[in-house]
Amino acid sequence: MVGGSNTDLGRSLSLHRGKFASGGCGWLWYFGGLLLLGGIVQLAEVVGLKTPKPGETGSLGLAAASFVGAALVLISPVLRWRQQVELFEGGFVWSRLTGQVAVRRSDVQRTQLITHRSRAGTHDEVVVHLAGGRELSMSGLSHADQLANLLAAFARPVAAPAMPATAGGWRPPT
């Protein structure tokens, strides 16, 4: 069952936050920062804070385009950075800027840890398969291998308790 509050999931076991430089997003921070800086410079020229050199023109449209481009480029790294997964005894809660997803322990069917390697860097993705056929893909978390192992333990069946002792003790088979 997806949903519910984290108060009914029991005691907190671990917390895994998103990383600032989560795999492959380092260049997005850089490129978004350059676009943001370019928008500020263009806006300063339009307002008149900076005296333009001969041949330079400032444009309000170019400043707006730089700000919009920076916002679009920075969406992915900000979403990865501002997420967290808190693991409880009875399930976990995945919090993002777009909302929270609470998953009970009994809904976890299988967990995969996928390592993506590219020229831009390496990042781990934890994929949690739920009972209803839904998948949650969490990327850019700190200690993703530890999280994947703990979530995989949720999917394993709990051992049945030992049979209670019968009155009279052990009896040989007949």
C-alpha atoms as a PDB file:
ATOM      1  CA  MET A   1       0.000   0.000   0.000  1.00  0.00           C
ATOM      2  CA  VAL A   2       1.506   3.304  -1.064  1.00  0.00           C
ATOM      3  CA  GLY A   3       0.529   6.174   1.194  1.00  0.00           C
ATOM      4  CA  GLY A   4       0.085   6.785   4.880  1.00  0.00           C
ATOM      5  CA  SER A   5       2.140   8.836   7.264  1.00  0.00           C
ATOM      6  CA  ASN A   6       5.600   7.989   8.513  1.00  0.00           C
ATOM      7  CA  THR A   7       4.366   7.909  12.125  1.00  0.00           C
ATOM      8  CA  ASP A   8       2.758   4.500  11.612  1.00  0.00           C
ATOM      9  CA  LEU A   9       5.896   3.041   9.995  1.00  0.00           C
ATOM     10  CA  GLY A  10       7.760   2.643  13.278  1.00  0.00           C
ATOM     11  CA  ARG A  11      11.192   3.741  14.387  1.00  0.00           C
ATOM     12  CA  SER A  12      13.565   5.458  11.950  1.00  0.00           C
ATOM     13  CA  LEU A  13      16.505   3.272  10.870  1.00  0.00           C
ATOM     14  CA  SER A  14      18.454   5.441   8.420  1.00  0.00           C
ATOM     15  CA  LEU A  15      18.288   8.614   6.341  1.00  0.00           C
ATOM     16  CA  HIS A  16      19.717   8.936   2.828  1.00  0.00           C
ATOM     17  CA  ARG A  17      19.868  12.452   1.358  1.00  0.00           C
ATOM     18  CA  GLY A  18      20.446  13.518  -2.215  1.00  0.00           C
ATOM     19  CA  LYS A  19      23.993  14.447  -3.159  1.00  0.00           C
ATOM     20  CA  PHE A  20      24.855  17.921  -4.502  1.00  0.00           C
ATOM     21  CA  ALA A  21      26.995  16.489  -7.297  1.00  0.00           C
ATOM     22  CA  SER A  22      24.761  13.509  -7.973  1.00  0.00           C
ATOM     23  CA  GLY A  23      26.108  11.606 -10.943  1.00  0.00           C
ATOM     24  CA  GLY A  24      26.265  13.435 -14.201  1.00  0.00           C
ATOM     25  CA  CYS A  25      24.672  16.598 -12.831  1.00  0.00           C
ATOM     26  CA  GLY A  26      27.926  18.409 -12.058  1.00  0.00           C
ATOM     27  CA  TRP A  27      28.090  19.936 -15.512  1.00  0.00           C
ATOM     28  CA  LEU A  28      24.428  20.946 -15.265  1.00  0.00           C
ATOM     29  CA  TRP A  29      25.185  23.026 -12.144  1.00  0.00           C
ATOM     30  CA  TYR A  30      28.052  24.673 -14.012  1.00  0.00           C
ATOM     31  CA  PHE A  31      26.067  25.369 -17.196  1.00  0.00           C
ATOM     32  CA  GLY A  32      23.016  26.599 -15.245  1.00  0.00           C
ATOM     33  CA  GLY A  33      25.228  28.890 -13.164  1.00  0.00           C
ATOM     34  CA  LEU A  34      26.737  30.384 -16.312  1.00  0.00           C
ATOM     35  CA  LEU A  35      23.286  31.019 -17.772  1.00  0.00           C
ATOM     36  CA  LEU A  36      22.154  32.610 -14.511  1.00  0.00           C
ATOM     37  CA  LEU A  37      25.246  34.823 -14.398  1.00  0.00           C
ATOM     38  CA  GLY A  38      24.709  35.813 -18.032  1.00  0.00           C
ATOM     39  CA  GLY A  39      21.115  36.785 -17.237  1.00  0.00           C
ATOM     40  CA  ILE A  40      22.267  38.933 -14.315  1.00  0.00           C
ATOM     41  CA  VAL A  41      24.853  40.708 -16.482  1.00  0.00           C
ATOM     42  CA  GLN A  42      22.267  41.347 -19.214  1.00  0.00           C
ATOM     43  CA  LEU A  43      19.785  42.647 -16.644  1.00  0.00           C
ATOM     44  CA  ALA A  44      22.459  44.951 -15.183  1.00  0.00           C
ATOM     45  CA  GLU A  45      23.056  46.399 -18.645  1.00  0.00           C
ATOM     46  CA  VAL A  46      19.329  46.962 -19.215  1.00  0.00           C
ATOM     47  CA  VAL A  47      18.879  48.665 -15.848  1.00  0.00           C
ATOM     48  CA  GLY A  48      22.012  50.733 -16.389  1.00  0.00           C
ATOM     49  CA  LEU A  49      24.138  49.484 -13.495  1.00  0.00           C
ATOM     50  CA  LYS A  50      26.903  48.532 -15.879  1.00  0.00           C
ATOM     51  CA  THR A  51      28.073  50.935 -18.521  1.00  0.00           C
ATOM     52  CA  PRO A  52      28.140  49.138 -21.845  1.00  0.00           C
ATOM     53  CA  LYS A  53      31.314  49.297 -23.927  1.00  0.00           C
ATOM     54  CA  PRO A  54      31.033  50.627 -27.455  1.00  0.00           C
ATOM     55  CA  GLY A  55      29.298  48.031 -29.622  1.00  0.00           C
ATOM     56  CA  GLU A  56      27.656  46.167 -26.682  1.00  0.00           C
ATOM     57  CA  THR A  57      23.916  46.078 -26.378  1.00  0.00           C
ATOM     58  CA  GLY A  58      21.912  44.823 -23.421  1.00  0.00           C
ATOM     59  CA  SER A  59      18.588  43.188 -24.026  1.00  0.00           C
ATOM     60  CA  LEU A  60      15.766  42.477 -21.633  1.00  0.00           C
ATOM     61  CA  GLY A  61      14.725  39.548 -23.862  1.00  0.00           C
ATOM     62  CA  LEU A  62      18.194  38.032 -23.689  1.00  0.00           C
ATOM     63  CA  ALA A  63      18.205  38.396 -19.893  1.00  0.00           C
ATOM     64  CA  ALA A  64      14.784  36.707 -19.663  1.00  0.00           C
ATOM     65  CA  ALA A  65      15.903  33.915 -22.004  1.00  0.00           C
ATOM     66  CA  SER A  66      19.011  33.351 -19.856  1.00  0.00           C
ATOM     67  CA  PHE A  67      16.916  33.108 -16.683  1.00  0.00           C
ATOM     68  CA  VAL A  68      14.440  30.699 -18.287  1.00  0.00           C
ATOM     69  CA  GLY A  69      17.295  28.589 -19.694  1.00  0.00           C
ATOM     70  CA  ALA A  70      18.998  28.503 -16.296  1.00  0.00           C
ATOM     71  CA  ALA A  71      15.761  27.387 -14.632  1.00  0.00           C
ATOM     72  CA  LEU A  72      15.256  24.595 -17.186  1.00  0.00           C
ATOM     73  CA  VAL A  73      18.837  23.388 -16.912  1.00  0.00           C
ATOM     74  CA  LEU A  74      18.841  23.467 -13.092  1.00  0.00           C
ATOM     75  CA  ILE A  75      15.596  21.491 -12.647  1.00  0.00           C
ATOM     76  CA  SER A  76      17.243  18.057 -12.760  1.00  0.00           C
ATOM     77  CA  PRO A  77      20.139  18.695 -10.349  1.00  0.00           C
ATOM     78  CA  VAL A  78      17.925  20.545  -7.874  1.00  0.00           C
ATOM     79  CA  LEU A  79      15.369  17.697  -7.845  1.00  0.00           C
ATOM     80  CA  ARG A  80      18.103  15.131  -7.204  1.00  0.00           C
ATOM     81  CA  TRP A  81      19.814  17.262  -4.579  1.00  0.00           C
ATOM     82  CA  ARG A  82      16.667  18.078  -2.573  1.00  0.00           C
ATOM     83  CA  GLN A  83      15.419  14.505  -2.140  1.00  0.00           C
ATOM     84  CA  GLN A  84      15.773  12.104   0.737  1.00  0.00           C
ATOM     85  CA  VAL A  85      14.757   8.577   1.688  1.00  0.00           C
ATOM     86  CA  GLU A  86      14.052   7.806   5.323  1.00  0.00           C
ATOM     87  CA  LEU A  87      13.945   4.123   6.149  1.00  0.00           C
ATOM     88  CA  PHE A  88      11.708   2.948   8.995  1.00  0.00           C
ATOM     89  CA  GLU A  89      11.077  -0.453  10.576  1.00  0.00           C
ATOM     90  CA  GLY A  90       7.773  -0.744   8.714  1.00  0.00           C
ATOM     91  CA  GLY A  91       8.679   0.829   5.361  1.00  0.00           C
ATOM     92  CA  PHE A  92      10.242   3.954   3.884  1.00  0.00           C
ATOM     93  CA  VAL A  93       9.336   7.504   2.867  1.00  0.00           C
ATOM     94  CA  TRP A  94      10.810   9.066  -0.279  1.00  0.00           C
ATOM     95  CA  SER A  95      10.587  12.877  -0.046  1.00  0.00           C
ATOM     96  CA  ARG A  96      11.159  15.099  -3.070  1.00  0.00           C
ATOM     97  CA  LEU A  97      10.325  18.660  -4.040  1.00  0.00           C
ATOM     98  CA  THR A  98       7.272  17.311  -5.847  1.00  0.00           C
ATOM     99  CA  GLY A  99       5.897  15.442  -2.811  1.00  0.00           C
ATOM    100  CA  GLN A 100       6.292  12.358  -0.656  1.00  0.00           C
ATOM    101  CA  VAL A 101       5.791   8.675  -1.320  1.00  0.00           C
ATOM    102  CA  ALA A 102       5.344   6.366   1.683  1.00  0.00           C
ATOM    103  CA  VAL A 103       5.746   2.633   1.066  1.00  0.00           C
ATOM    104  CA  ARG A 104       4.987  -0.120   3.561  1.00  0.00           C
ATOM    105  CA  ARG A 105       7.498  -2.904   4.088  1.00  0.00           C
ATOM    106  CA  SER A 106       5.038  -5.534   2.831  1.00  0.00           C
ATOM    107  CA  ASP A 107       4.692  -3.749  -0.546  1.00  0.00           C
ATOM    108  CA  VAL A 108       8.391  -4.101  -1.458  1.00  0.00           C
ATOM    109  CA  GLN A 109       8.801  -7.037  -3.860  1.00  0.00           C
ATOM    110  CA  ARG A 110      12.349  -6.599  -5.143  1.00  0.00           C
ATOM    111  CA  THR A 111      15.175  -4.047  -5.113  1.00  0.00           C
ATOM    112  CA  GLN A 112      17.882  -3.409  -7.704  1.00  0.00           C
ATOM    113  CA  LEU A 113      21.050  -1.318  -7.471  1.00  0.00           C
ATOM    114  CA  ILE A 114      22.098  -0.113 -10.918  1.00  0.00           C
ATOM    115  CA  THR A 115      25.418   1.697 -11.389  1.00  0.00           C
ATOM    116  CA  HIS A 116      25.511   4.030 -14.397  1.00  0.00           C
ATOM    117  CA  ARG A 117      28.994   4.799 -15.738  1.00  0.00           C
ATOM    118  CA  SER A 118      29.647   7.432 -18.371  1.00  0.00           C
ATOM    119  CA  ARG A 119      32.148  10.128 -19.276  1.00  0.00           C
ATOM    120  CA  ALA A 120      30.155  12.581 -17.175  1.00  0.00           C
ATOM    121  CA  GLY A 121      30.628  10.436 -14.058  1.00  0.00           C
ATOM    122  CA  THR A 122      29.199   7.521 -12.156  1.00  0.00           C
ATOM    123  CA  HIS A 123      25.952   7.432 -10.232  1.00  0.00           C
ATOM    124  CA  ASP A 124      23.887   4.772  -8.540  1.00  0.00           C
ATOM    125  CA  GLU A 125      20.178   4.224  -9.039  1.00  0.00           C
ATOM    126  CA  VAL A 126      18.034   2.261  -6.616  1.00  0.00           C
ATOM    127  CA  VAL A 127      14.964   0.723  -8.278  1.00  0.00           C
ATOM    128  CA  VAL A 128      12.280  -0.580  -5.921  1.00  0.00           C
ATOM    129  CA  HIS A 129       9.637  -2.901  -7.408  1.00  0.00           C
ATOM    130  CA  LEU A 130       6.329  -2.683  -5.550  1.00  0.00           C
ATOM    131  CA  ALA A 131       3.519  -5.200  -5.154  1.00  0.00           C
ATOM    132  CA  GLY A 132       1.147  -3.423  -7.550  1.00  0.00           C
ATOM    133  CA  GLY A 133       3.658  -3.577 -10.419  1.00  0.00           C
ATOM    134  CA  ARG A 134       4.817   0.002  -9.853  1.00  0.00           C
ATOM    135  CA  GLU A 135       8.525   0.883  -9.784  1.00  0.00           C
ATOM    136  CA  LEU A 136      10.255   3.686  -7.890  1.00  0.00           C
ATOM    137  CA  SER A 137      13.553   4.864  -9.373  1.00  0.00           C
ATOM    138  CA  MET A 138      15.693   6.831  -6.907  1.00  0.00           C
ATOM    139  CA  SER A 139      18.908   8.301  -8.259  1.00  0.00           C
ATOM    140  CA  GLY A 140      21.598  10.487  -6.726  1.00  0.00           C
ATOM    141  CA  LEU A 141      21.243   9.395  -3.089  1.00  0.00           C
ATOM    142  CA  SER A 142      24.060   9.144  -0.578  1.00  0.00           C
ATOM    143  CA  HIS A 143      25.036   5.589   0.389  1.00  0.00           C
ATOM    144  CA  ALA A 144      22.787   4.094  -2.280  1.00  0.00           C
ATOM    145  CA  ASP A 145      24.366   0.643  -1.851  1.00  0.00           C
ATOM    146  CA  GLN A 146      23.457   0.587   1.843  1.00  0.00           C
ATOM    147  CA  LEU A 147      19.908   1.715   1.040  1.00  0.00           C
ATOM    148  CA  ALA A 148      19.524  -0.990  -1.620  1.00  0.00           C
ATOM    149  CA  ASN A 149      20.686  -3.684   0.818  1.00  0.00           C
ATOM    150  CA  LEU A 150      18.307  -2.515   3.542  1.00  0.00           C
ATOM    151  CA  LEU A 151      15.379  -2.372   1.105  1.00  0.00           C
ATOM    152  CA  ALA A 152      16.264  -5.815  -0.257  1.00  0.00           C
ATOM    153  CA  ALA A 153      15.873  -7.136   3.293  1.00  0.00           C
ATOM    154  CA  PHE A 154      12.277  -5.847   3.199  1.00  0.00           C
ATOM    155  CA  ALA A 155      11.532  -8.113   0.242  1.00  0.00           C
ATOM    156  CA  ARG A 156      12.813 -11.286   1.927  1.00  0.00           C
ATOM    157  CA  PRO A 157      10.190 -13.301   3.770  1.00  0.00           C
ATOM    158  CA  VAL A 158      10.459 -13.225   7.529  1.00  0.00           C
ATOM    159  CA  ALA A 159      11.350 -16.621   8.989  1.00  0.00           C
ATOM    160  CA  ALA A 160       8.458 -18.417  10.642  1.00  0.00           C
ATOM    161  CA  PRO A 161       8.682 -18.587  14.414  1.00  0.00           C
ATOM    162  CA  ALA A 162       9.733 -21.879  15.955  1.00  0.00           C
ATOM    163  CA  MET A 163       6.966 -24.298  16.811  1.00  0.00           C
ATOM    164  CA  PRO A 164       5.917 -24.008  20.437  1.00  0.00           C
ATOM    165  CA  ALA A 165       7.009 -26.816  22.743  1.00  0.00           C
ATOM    166  CA  THR A 166       4.331 -29.411  23.316  1.00  0.00           C
ATOM    167  CA  ALA A 167       3.465 -30.726  26.724  1.00  0.00           C
ATOM    168  CA  GLY A 168       5.506 -33.766  27.582  1.00  0.00           C
ATOM    169  CA  GLY A 169       8.587 -32.810  25.546  1.00  0.00           C
ATOM    170  CA  TRP A 170       9.948 -34.559  22.461  1.00  0.00           C
ATOM    171  CA  ARG A 171       8.396 -37.785  21.261  1.00  0.00           C
ATOM    172  CA  PRO A 172       9.945 -40.146  18.773  1.00  0.00           C
ATOM    173  CA  PRO A 173       8.129 -40.659  15.509  1.00  0.00           C
ATOM    174  CA  THR A 174       5.948 -43.708  15.367  1.00  0.00           C
END
